[in-house]
Protein backbone atom coordinates (compact mmCIF):
# COMPACT_ATOMS: atom_id res chain seq x y z
CA MET A 1 -37.56 10.41 2.91
CA SER A 2 -35.26 9.79 0.81
CA GLU A 3 -31.40 9.53 1.85
CA TYR A 4 -29.43 11.98 0.05
CA ILE A 5 -25.70 11.77 -0.71
CA LYS A 6 -23.31 14.92 -1.47
CA GLU A 7 -20.29 14.24 -3.11
CA ILE A 8 -17.50 17.10 -2.87
CA LYS A 9 -13.97 17.09 -3.95
CA LEU A 10 -10.83 18.38 -2.00
CA ALA A 11 -7.15 18.17 -2.48
CA ASN A 12 -5.64 15.18 -1.56
CA GLU A 13 -3.43 16.91 0.48
CA VAL A 14 -6.32 18.02 2.55
CA LEU A 15 -8.46 15.17 2.32
CA ILE A 16 -6.37 11.85 3.05
CA PRO A 17 -5.31 13.76 6.31
CA GLU A 18 -8.86 13.54 7.60
CA ILE A 19 -9.71 9.86 5.98
CA VAL A 20 -6.43 8.61 7.66
CA GLU A 21 -7.79 10.20 11.16
CA PHE A 22 -11.19 8.48 10.45
CA LEU A 23 -9.09 5.21 10.27
CA ASN A 24 -7.46 5.26 13.15
CA GLU A 25 -10.30 5.91 14.75
CA GLY A 26 -11.70 2.55 13.42
CA HIS A 27 -13.97 3.27 10.72
CA THR A 28 -13.80 2.29 7.47
CA VAL A 29 -13.62 4.22 4.57
CA THR A 30 -15.01 4.60 0.69
CA LEU A 31 -12.75 6.77 -1.13
CA ARG A 32 -13.43 7.85 -5.07
CA LEU A 33 -9.93 6.78 -7.09
CA ARG A 34 -8.22 9.97 -8.55
CA GLY A 35 -5.44 9.25 -10.81
CA TYR A 36 -3.78 6.88 -12.54
CA SER A 37 -1.91 4.57 -11.18
CA MET A 38 -3.97 2.06 -10.66
CA ARG A 39 -4.86 1.57 -14.27
CA PRO A 40 -5.97 -0.68 -16.30
CA PHE A 41 -8.62 -2.30 -13.66
CA LEU A 42 -9.38 1.22 -11.72
CA GLU A 43 -10.33 4.36 -13.16
CA ASP A 44 -10.14 7.95 -12.22
CA ASN A 45 -12.73 9.18 -10.78
CA ARG A 46 -15.16 5.99 -11.83
CA ASP A 47 -13.83 3.35 -8.85
CA LYS A 48 -13.64 3.15 -5.64
CA ALA A 49 -11.83 1.84 -2.65
CA LEU A 50 -13.09 0.45 0.56
CA LEU A 51 -10.48 1.06 3.11
CA ILE A 52 -9.71 -0.03 6.95
CA LYS A 53 -6.65 0.82 9.24
CA ALA A 54 -3.31 -1.08 8.44
CA VAL A 55 -2.33 -3.23 10.73
CA THR A 56 -0.88 -5.82 8.77
CA PHE A 57 0.09 -6.33 4.96
CA LYS A 58 1.90 -8.11 2.88
CA LYS A 59 3.71 -7.77 -0.96
CA GLY A 60 0.76 -7.96 -3.31
CA ASP A 61 -1.80 -5.93 -0.92
CA ALA A 62 -2.85 -2.77 -2.16
CA VAL A 63 -2.57 -0.03 0.71
CA LEU A 64 -2.95 3.95 1.36
CA ALA A 65 0.64 5.32 2.10
CA GLU A 66 2.32 8.93 2.59
CA VAL A 67 5.30 8.72 0.56
CA SER A 68 6.47 11.94 1.49
CA PRO A 69 4.91 14.44 3.55
CA ARG A 70 1.05 15.21 2.82
CA HIS A 71 1.72 13.14 -0.74
CA TYR A 72 -0.24 9.68 -0.13
CA VAL A 73 -0.77 6.96 -2.84
CA LEU A 74 -2.71 4.10 -3.20
CA HIS A 75 -0.45 1.34 -4.70
CA ARG A 76 0.50 -2.30 -4.05
CA VAL A 77 3.10 -3.34 -1.85
CA ILE A 78 5.61 -4.69 -4.60
CA LYS A 79 8.61 -5.75 -1.05
CA ILE A 80 8.97 -5.53 2.41
CA ASN A 81 12.07 -5.35 3.06
CA GLY A 82 12.08 -5.07 7.44
CA ASP A 83 11.12 -1.49 8.13
CA ASP A 84 11.48 -0.25 4.38
CA VAL A 85 8.21 -0.67 1.91
CA VAL A 86 8.45 -0.79 -1.85
CA LEU A 87 5.07 -0.03 -3.49
CA ARG A 88 3.94 0.66 -7.14
CA GLY A 89 0.62 1.39 -8.66
CA ASP A 90 -0.75 -1.13 -11.31
CA GLY A 91 -0.15 1.56 -14.12
CA ASN A 92 3.50 2.55 -13.57
CA ILE A 93 6.84 1.87 -14.29
CA GLY A 94 8.42 3.02 -11.38
CA CYS A 95 8.24 2.28 -7.80
CA GLU A 96 7.28 4.65 -4.66
CA TYR A 97 9.07 4.06 -0.99
CA CYS A 98 7.99 4.43 2.69
CA LYS A 99 8.52 2.83 5.93
CA ARG A 100 5.71 0.33 7.36
CA SER A 101 4.27 3.28 9.89
CA ASP A 102 3.63 5.57 6.42
CA VAL A 103 1.19 2.61 5.29
CA LYS A 104 -1.89 4.40 6.72
CA GLY A 105 -4.84 2.84 5.00
CA PHE A 106 -5.77 -0.99 3.78
CA VAL A 107 -7.71 -1.79 0.71
CA VAL A 108 -10.27 -4.67 1.62
CA GLY A 109 -11.87 -4.34 -1.95
CA PHE A 110 -13.25 -1.74 -4.82
CA TYR A 111 -16.14 -1.10 -6.24
CA ARG A 112 -15.63 -0.56 -9.82
CA LYS A 113 -17.33 0.49 -13.03
CA GLY A 114 -20.44 2.00 -10.81
CA SER A 115 -21.14 -1.33 -9.46
CA ASN A 116 -22.50 -2.15 -5.85
CA LYS A 117 -20.89 -5.21 -5.49
CA ILE A 118 -17.32 -5.19 -3.84
CA ASP A 119 -14.92 -6.73 -5.63
CA LYS A 120 -13.00 -7.84 -2.95
CA THR A 121 -8.49 -8.13 -2.38
CA ASN A 122 -8.83 -11.60 -0.64
CA SER A 123 -10.77 -12.64 -3.72
CA PHE A 124 -9.34 -15.61 -6.07
CA LYS A 125 -10.51 -13.09 -8.93
CA TRP A 126 -8.62 -10.33 -7.58
CA ARG A 127 -5.58 -12.68 -5.92
CA ALA A 128 -5.56 -14.29 -9.75
CA TYR A 129 -5.77 -10.88 -11.64
CA SER A 130 -2.91 -9.48 -8.99
CA CYS A 131 -0.58 -12.57 -10.00
CA VAL A 132 -0.75 -12.65 -13.36
CA TRP A 133 -0.15 -8.48 -13.53
CA CYS A 134 2.80 -8.39 -11.34
CA PHE A 135 4.08 -11.10 -13.72
CA LEU A 136 3.82 -9.45 -16.69
CA TYR A 137 6.05 -5.99 -15.32
CA PRO A 138 8.69 -6.78 -17.99
CA VAL A 139 5.98 -5.79 -20.94
CA ARG A 140 3.42 -3.77 -18.65
CA ARG A 141 4.51 -0.43 -20.33
CA TYR A 142 3.70 -1.97 -24.13
CA LEU A 143 0.51 -3.30 -22.26
CA LEU A 144 -0.40 0.33 -21.21
CA PHE A 145 0.48 2.13 -24.17
CA ALA A 146 -2.23 -0.14 -25.94
CA TYR A 147 -4.39 0.43 -23.54
CA ARG A 148 -4.17 3.79 -23.69
CA LEU A 149 -4.35 3.65 -27.53
CA LYS A 150 -7.79 1.80 -26.90
CA LEU A 151 -9.13 4.53 -24.63
CA LYS A 152 -8.35 6.91 -27.29
CA ILE A 153 -9.95 5.35 -30.05
CA PHE A 154 -12.94 3.85 -28.68
CA GLY A 155 -13.21 6.23 -25.70
């Protein structure tokens, strides 16, 4: 008998609290990404993130955080100052803020472009990309504009 996997879509404010509960119980969760905040390398409804409970995290890590009641984001940690955490999506210009306790999940890796092979966030490839992309923050607006233009023209 072949295994059947059914995929359903739920609103984030319904789904994410359930995912947080699974993470708190010690499970790993694979979550299909929705939204454009992690562009250009992660795309809406194409890529997936493998999450574990956030126990420790540092600047540069990708995390799942509750930035306001029932509003969750999967962004990169930009700065940690005591209990305060600053987050920014790779496809965003502005920042979002939360407390350490609001960081619910830690991204172990991403499944990109339909691949079954995980790109681990502790790999040299991911760390190098992260370093370069964060360094390019001052010109990110122009790079993202060029990327969106490319998508419109070439699909």
